[in-house]
Amino acid sequence: MIDIDATAVKAALAAAKAAGSTITLNDFLIEACVLAVQAEPSVNAHIRGTRLVTHGQIVISLAVDTARGLRTPKIPIADPSLDAIARQRVQAIAAIQQGSVLPDQDHPAVVTISNLGKFGIKAGTPVLNLDEPVLVFAGAIEDRVVAIDGAVVVRPYMTLSIAYDHRVVDGMQAARFTSAIKARLENTGVGQ
């Protein structure tokens, strides 16, 4: 588990909403995971039988509530820009809600994102999907009292609970991957 200062994410979400964009927190989470995979490419693999199979393409899966229960459509990321990610997310959710299957659903995802923050859930114990090395569980963004530079302040924070398949991702890779997600989310919109 890692705590994320969500100040930048909240500001970026407010700016996106003011601009009429469809960008959501899930898009920022997807982007952060894609950038983390790019920084730690050895994570982009899965176990097939007894072999480690690596991938070039980055595929992210997103947990979606449907009339048929929880589904996890896969989103192949060709363009890691937030606008492109938002378009792909909207398309994937619409397809899964209608019971359709998008192309490339046979390709294993490197990360599944499960965001239950809107239900007020702070953290959870993520359970990996078969053949996927990483599951990121995003908790609610909430105001927390924290100490920063010796001062007590209130800041929006969220907790990410992340599970790793240690047959694919060792402890150091997991630490670097987790750190990369945190760095991106805490610096979203900075210098863009």
C-alpha atoms as a PDB file:
ATOM      1  CA  MET A   1       0.000   0.000   0.000  1.00  0.00           C
ATOM      2  CA  ILE A   2       1.154   3.480  -0.759  1.00  0.00           C
ATOM      3  CA  ASP A   3      -0.395   6.850   0.065  1.00  0.00           C
ATOM      4  CA  ILE A   4      -0.683   9.388  -2.752  1.00  0.00           C
ATOM      5  CA  ASP A   5      -0.966  13.145  -2.249  1.00  0.00           C
ATOM      6  CA  ALA A   6      -3.900  13.746  -4.620  1.00  0.00           C
ATOM      7  CA  THR A   7      -3.608  17.545  -4.741  1.00  0.00           C
ATOM      8  CA  ALA A   8      -2.343  17.553  -8.352  1.00  0.00           C
ATOM      9  CA  VAL A   9      -4.853  14.918  -9.476  1.00  0.00           C
ATOM     10  CA  LYS A  10      -7.787  16.829  -7.976  1.00  0.00           C
ATOM     11  CA  ALA A  11      -6.615  20.053  -9.653  1.00  0.00           C
ATOM     12  CA  ALA A  12      -6.157  18.292 -12.999  1.00  0.00           C
ATOM     13  CA  LEU A  13      -9.607  16.675 -12.721  1.00  0.00           C
ATOM     14  CA  ALA A  14     -11.193  20.060 -11.943  1.00  0.00           C
ATOM     15  CA  ALA A  15      -9.423  21.642 -14.936  1.00  0.00           C
ATOM     16  CA  ALA A  16     -10.529  18.782 -17.205  1.00  0.00           C
ATOM     17  CA  LYS A  17     -14.128  19.102 -16.034  1.00  0.00           C
ATOM     18  CA  ALA A  18     -14.074  22.885 -16.533  1.00  0.00           C
ATOM     19  CA  ALA A  19     -12.812  22.317 -20.085  1.00  0.00           C
ATOM     20  CA  GLY A  20     -15.655  19.864 -20.788  1.00  0.00           C
ATOM     21  CA  SER A  21     -13.321  16.886 -21.008  1.00  0.00           C
ATOM     22  CA  THR A  22     -14.391  13.292 -20.334  1.00  0.00           C
ATOM     23  CA  ILE A  23     -11.135  12.584 -18.460  1.00  0.00           C
ATOM     24  CA  THR A  24     -11.709  10.819 -15.127  1.00  0.00           C
ATOM     25  CA  LEU A  25      -9.584   9.610 -12.241  1.00  0.00           C
ATOM     26  CA  ASN A  26      -9.412   6.210 -13.939  1.00  0.00           C
ATOM     27  CA  ASP A  27      -7.679   7.835 -16.917  1.00  0.00           C
ATOM     28  CA  PHE A  28      -5.024   9.319 -14.623  1.00  0.00           C
ATOM     29  CA  LEU A  29      -4.584   5.911 -13.004  1.00  0.00           C
ATOM     30  CA  ILE A  30      -4.256   4.232 -16.416  1.00  0.00           C
ATOM     31  CA  GLU A  31      -1.746   6.851 -17.561  1.00  0.00           C
ATOM     32  CA  ALA A  32       0.313   6.459 -14.379  1.00  0.00           C
ATOM     33  CA  CYS A  33       0.362   2.670 -14.807  1.00  0.00           C
ATOM     34  CA  VAL A  34       1.371   2.934 -18.478  1.00  0.00           C
ATOM     35  CA  LEU A  35       4.235   5.279 -17.600  1.00  0.00           C
ATOM     36  CA  ALA A  36       5.273   2.953 -14.763  1.00  0.00           C
ATOM     37  CA  VAL A  37       5.355   0.003 -17.190  1.00  0.00           C
ATOM     38  CA  GLN A  38       7.464   2.081 -19.580  1.00  0.00           C
ATOM     39  CA  ALA A  39       9.860   2.862 -16.703  1.00  0.00           C
ATOM     40  CA  GLU A  40       9.916  -0.784 -15.523  1.00  0.00           C
ATOM     41  CA  PRO A  41       9.309  -2.794 -18.735  1.00  0.00           C
ATOM     42  CA  SER A  42      10.179  -6.139 -17.122  1.00  0.00           C
ATOM     43  CA  VAL A  43       6.752  -5.962 -15.429  1.00  0.00           C
ATOM     44  CA  ASN A  44       5.067  -6.336 -18.848  1.00  0.00           C
ATOM     45  CA  ALA A  45       5.046 -10.129 -18.823  1.00  0.00           C
ATOM     46  CA  HIS A  46       3.064 -13.131 -17.637  1.00  0.00           C
ATOM     47  CA  ILE A  47       3.608 -16.788 -16.855  1.00  0.00           C
ATOM     48  CA  ARG A  48       2.520 -19.278 -19.522  1.00  0.00           C
ATOM     49  CA  GLY A  49       2.934 -22.773 -18.121  1.00  0.00           C
ATOM     50  CA  THR A  50       6.430 -22.586 -16.667  1.00  0.00           C
ATOM     51  CA  ARG A  51       7.747 -19.892 -19.034  1.00  0.00           C
ATOM     52  CA  LEU A  52       7.957 -16.141 -18.551  1.00  0.00           C
ATOM     53  CA  VAL A  53       6.482 -14.468 -21.652  1.00  0.00           C
ATOM     54  CA  THR A  54       7.290 -10.779 -22.167  1.00  0.00           C
ATOM     55  CA  HIS A  55       5.201  -8.289 -24.151  1.00  0.00           C
ATOM     56  CA  GLY A  56       5.910  -5.196 -26.198  1.00  0.00           C
ATOM     57  CA  GLN A  57       2.389  -3.800 -26.198  1.00  0.00           C
ATOM     58  CA  ILE A  58       1.011  -2.344 -22.963  1.00  0.00           C
ATOM     59  CA  VAL A  59      -2.518  -3.532 -22.152  1.00  0.00           C
ATOM     60  CA  ILE A  60      -4.383  -2.211 -19.125  1.00  0.00           C
ATOM     61  CA  SER A  61      -7.571  -3.784 -17.774  1.00  0.00           C
ATOM     62  CA  LEU A  62     -10.202  -1.796 -15.905  1.00  0.00           C
ATOM     63  CA  ALA A  63     -12.732  -3.315 -13.494  1.00  0.00           C
ATOM     64  CA  VAL A  64     -16.224  -2.284 -14.640  1.00  0.00           C
ATOM     65  CA  ASP A  65     -19.578  -2.911 -12.962  1.00  0.00           C
ATOM     66  CA  THR A  66     -22.092  -4.299 -15.479  1.00  0.00           C
ATOM     67  CA  ALA A  67     -25.572  -5.825 -15.349  1.00  0.00           C
ATOM     68  CA  ARG A  68     -23.791  -9.196 -15.605  1.00  0.00           C
ATOM     69  CA  GLY A  69     -21.434  -8.457 -12.724  1.00  0.00           C
ATOM     70  CA  LEU A  70     -17.862  -7.249 -12.636  1.00  0.00           C
ATOM     71  CA  ARG A  71     -16.033  -7.357 -15.967  1.00  0.00           C
ATOM     72  CA  THR A  72     -12.503  -6.286 -16.862  1.00  0.00           C
ATOM     73  CA  PRO A  73     -12.219  -5.091 -20.465  1.00  0.00           C
ATOM     74  CA  LYS A  74      -8.682  -4.807 -21.775  1.00  0.00           C
ATOM     75  CA  ILE A  75      -7.454  -1.519 -23.192  1.00  0.00           C
ATOM     76  CA  PRO A  76      -4.410  -1.778 -25.490  1.00  0.00           C
ATOM     77  CA  ILE A  77      -2.543   1.504 -25.111  1.00  0.00           C
ATOM     78  CA  ALA A  78      -1.088   2.749 -28.398  1.00  0.00           C
ATOM     79  CA  ASP A  79      -1.228   6.452 -27.496  1.00  0.00           C
ATOM     80  CA  PRO A  80      -0.561   7.166 -23.796  1.00  0.00           C
ATOM     81  CA  SER A  81      -2.002  10.709 -23.903  1.00  0.00           C
ATOM     82  CA  LEU A  82      -4.850  11.354 -21.472  1.00  0.00           C
ATOM     83  CA  ASP A  83      -7.313  12.242 -24.237  1.00  0.00           C
ATOM     84  CA  ALA A  84      -6.573   9.006 -26.121  1.00  0.00           C
ATOM     85  CA  ILE A  85      -6.797   6.978 -22.906  1.00  0.00           C
ATOM     86  CA  ALA A  86     -10.170   8.594 -22.090  1.00  0.00           C
ATOM     87  CA  ARG A  87     -11.519   7.754 -25.564  1.00  0.00           C
ATOM     88  CA  GLN A  88     -10.357   4.146 -25.266  1.00  0.00           C
ATOM     89  CA  ARG A  89     -11.798   3.831 -21.748  1.00  0.00           C
ATOM     90  CA  VAL A  90     -15.186   5.170 -22.861  1.00  0.00           C
ATOM     91  CA  GLN A  91     -15.209   2.754 -25.815  1.00  0.00           C
ATOM     92  CA  ALA A  92     -14.199  -0.228 -23.654  1.00  0.00           C
ATOM     93  CA  ILE A  93     -16.818   0.502 -20.989  1.00  0.00           C
ATOM     94  CA  ALA A  94     -19.573   1.011 -23.584  1.00  0.00           C
ATOM     95  CA  ALA A  95     -18.687  -2.266 -25.290  1.00  0.00           C
ATOM     96  CA  ILE A  96     -18.567  -4.274 -22.064  1.00  0.00           C
ATOM     97  CA  GLN A  97     -21.842  -2.724 -20.834  1.00  0.00           C
ATOM     98  CA  GLN A  98     -23.499  -3.830 -24.109  1.00  0.00           C
ATOM     99  CA  GLY A  99     -22.016  -7.312 -23.855  1.00  0.00           C
ATOM    100  CA  SER A 100     -19.709  -6.770 -26.825  1.00  0.00           C
ATOM    101  CA  VAL A 101     -16.118  -7.879 -27.022  1.00  0.00           C
ATOM    102  CA  LEU A 102     -13.453  -5.485 -28.255  1.00  0.00           C
ATOM    103  CA  PRO A 103     -10.586  -6.678 -30.434  1.00  0.00           C
ATOM    104  CA  ASP A 104      -7.398  -7.803 -28.654  1.00  0.00           C
ATOM    105  CA  GLN A 105      -9.242  -9.154 -25.605  1.00  0.00           C
ATOM    106  CA  ASP A 106      -7.120 -12.321 -25.754  1.00  0.00           C
ATOM    107  CA  HIS A 107      -3.922 -10.379 -25.054  1.00  0.00           C
ATOM    108  CA  PRO A 108      -3.104 -10.531 -21.327  1.00  0.00           C
ATOM    109  CA  ALA A 109      -3.200  -7.261 -19.435  1.00  0.00           C
ATOM    110  CA  VAL A 110      -0.143  -6.150 -17.492  1.00  0.00           C
ATOM    111  CA  VAL A 111      -2.228  -4.232 -14.920  1.00  0.00           C
ATOM    112  CA  THR A 112      -5.841  -4.328 -13.802  1.00  0.00           C
ATOM    113  CA  ILE A 113      -7.135  -1.182 -12.131  1.00  0.00           C
ATOM    114  CA  SER A 114      -9.967  -1.484  -9.625  1.00  0.00           C
ATOM    115  CA  ASN A 115     -11.245   1.863  -8.381  1.00  0.00           C
ATOM    116  CA  LEU A 116     -13.811   1.601  -5.593  1.00  0.00           C
ATOM    117  CA  GLY A 117     -13.093   5.026  -4.122  1.00  0.00           C
ATOM    118  CA  LYS A 118     -16.507   6.401  -5.057  1.00  0.00           C
ATOM    119  CA  PHE A 119     -17.954   4.007  -2.469  1.00  0.00           C
ATOM    120  CA  GLY A 120     -15.783   5.541   0.251  1.00  0.00           C
ATOM    121  CA  ILE A 121     -13.497   2.508   0.443  1.00  0.00           C
ATOM    122  CA  LYS A 122     -10.024   3.604   1.588  1.00  0.00           C
ATOM    123  CA  ALA A 123      -7.995   0.491   0.817  1.00  0.00           C
ATOM    124  CA  GLY A 124      -8.411  -3.174   0.067  1.00  0.00           C
ATOM    125  CA  THR A 125      -6.631  -6.442  -0.450  1.00  0.00           C
ATOM    126  CA  PRO A 126      -6.314  -6.825  -4.216  1.00  0.00           C
ATOM    127  CA  VAL A 127      -6.515 -10.310  -5.699  1.00  0.00           C
ATOM    128  CA  LEU A 128      -4.678 -10.820  -8.970  1.00  0.00           C
ATOM    129  CA  ASN A 129      -6.545 -11.871 -12.091  1.00  0.00           C
ATOM    130  CA  LEU A 130      -5.162 -15.013 -13.688  1.00  0.00           C
ATOM    131  CA  ASP A 131      -2.232 -14.340 -16.033  1.00  0.00           C
ATOM    132  CA  GLU A 132      -1.866 -10.719 -14.899  1.00  0.00           C
ATOM    133  CA  PRO A 133       1.173  -9.630 -12.883  1.00  0.00           C
ATOM    134  CA  VAL A 134      -0.231  -6.453 -11.254  1.00  0.00           C
ATOM    135  CA  LEU A 135      -3.537  -5.293  -9.748  1.00  0.00           C
ATOM    136  CA  VAL A 136      -3.897  -1.707  -8.534  1.00  0.00           C
ATOM    137  CA  PHE A 137      -6.766  -1.047  -6.120  1.00  0.00           C
ATOM    138  CA  ALA A 138      -7.513   2.690  -5.805  1.00  0.00           C
ATOM    139  CA  GLY A 139      -9.162   3.931  -2.640  1.00  0.00           C
ATOM    140  CA  ALA A 140     -11.175   7.081  -2.013  1.00  0.00           C
ATOM    141  CA  ILE A 141      -9.627  10.524  -2.230  1.00  0.00           C
ATOM    142  CA  GLU A 142     -10.197  12.051   1.183  1.00  0.00           C
ATOM    143  CA  ASP A 143      -8.881  14.944   3.207  1.00  0.00           C
ATOM    144  CA  ARG A 144      -6.228  13.830   5.685  1.00  0.00           C
ATOM    145  CA  VAL A 145      -4.239  15.657   8.300  1.00  0.00           C
ATOM    146  CA  VAL A 146      -0.547  15.286   7.418  1.00  0.00           C
ATOM    147  CA  ALA A 147       2.750  16.804   8.483  1.00  0.00           C
ATOM    148  CA  ILE A 148       4.603  18.584   5.666  1.00  0.00           C
ATOM    149  CA  ASP A 149       7.868  20.400   6.326  1.00  0.00           C
ATOM    150  CA  GLY A 150       7.102  20.440  10.041  1.00  0.00           C
ATOM    151  CA  ALA A 151       3.629  21.942   9.609  1.00  0.00           C
ATOM    152  CA  VAL A 152       0.305  20.212  10.125  1.00  0.00           C
ATOM    153  CA  VAL A 153      -1.857  20.619   7.021  1.00  0.00           C
ATOM    154  CA  VAL A 154      -4.950  19.097   5.453  1.00  0.00           C
ATOM    155  CA  ARG A 155      -4.413  17.568   2.012  1.00  0.00           C
ATOM    156  CA  PRO A 156      -6.412  15.250  -0.256  1.00  0.00           C
ATOM    157  CA  TYR A 157      -4.860  11.766  -0.157  1.00  0.00           C
ATOM    158  CA  MET A 158      -5.685   8.375  -1.589  1.00  0.00           C
ATOM    159  CA  THR A 159      -4.274   4.943  -0.883  1.00  0.00           C
ATOM    160  CA  LEU A 160      -3.273   2.515  -3.603  1.00  0.00           C
ATOM    161  CA  SER A 161      -3.161  -1.155  -2.635  1.00  0.00           C
ATOM    162  CA  ILE A 162      -1.098  -3.064  -5.188  1.00  0.00           C
ATOM    163  CA  ALA A 163      -0.688  -6.828  -5.597  1.00  0.00           C
ATOM    164  CA  TYR A 164       2.129  -8.371  -7.628  1.00  0.00           C
ATOM    165  CA  ASP A 165       2.693 -11.849  -9.036  1.00  0.00           C
ATOM    166  CA  HIS A 166       6.178 -12.477  -7.684  1.00  0.00           C
ATOM    167  CA  ARG A 167       6.803 -15.085 -10.343  1.00  0.00           C
ATOM    168  CA  VAL A 168       6.954 -12.116 -12.739  1.00  0.00           C
ATOM    169  CA  VAL A 169       7.748  -9.111 -10.547  1.00  0.00           C
ATOM    170  CA  ASP A 170      10.324  -9.268  -7.774  1.00  0.00           C
ATOM    171  CA  GLY A 171      10.346  -6.957  -4.761  1.00  0.00           C
ATOM    172  CA  MET A 172      12.680  -4.344  -6.245  1.00  0.00           C
ATOM    173  CA  GLN A 173      10.750  -4.206  -9.528  1.00  0.00           C
ATOM    174  CA  ALA A 174       7.533  -3.841  -7.528  1.00  0.00           C
ATOM    175  CA  ALA A 175       9.028  -1.030  -5.448  1.00  0.00           C
ATOM    176  CA  ARG A 176      10.208   0.865  -8.540  1.00  0.00           C
ATOM    177  CA  PHE A 177       6.865   0.324 -10.280  1.00  0.00           C
ATOM    178  CA  THR A 178       4.896   1.515  -7.242  1.00  0.00           C
ATOM    179  CA  SER A 179       7.178   4.531  -6.849  1.00  0.00           C
ATOM    180  CA  ALA A 180       6.714   5.449 -10.535  1.00  0.00           C
ATOM    181  CA  ILE A 181       2.910   5.378 -10.170  1.00  0.00           C
ATOM    182  CA  LYS A 182       3.110   7.592  -7.083  1.00  0.00           C
ATOM    183  CA  ALA A 183       5.474  10.063  -8.772  1.00  0.00           C
ATOM    184  CA  ARG A 184       3.212  10.414 -11.823  1.00  0.00           C
ATOM    185  CA  LEU A 185       0.004  10.861  -9.863  1.00  0.00           C
ATOM    186  CA  GLU A 186       1.585  13.397  -7.516  1.00  0.00           C
ATOM    187  CA  ASN A 187       2.949  15.373 -10.468  1.00  0.00           C
ATOM    188  CA  THR A 188      -0.020  15.112 -12.837  1.00  0.00           C
ATOM    189  CA  GLY A 189      -0.397  18.321 -14.805  1.00  0.00           C
ATOM    190  CA  VAL A 190       2.963  19.672 -13.630  1.00  0.00           C
ATOM    191  CA  GLY A 191       4.895  21.034 -16.606  1.00  0.00           C
ATOM    192  CA  GLN A 192       2.252  19.923 -19.136  1.00  0.00           C
END
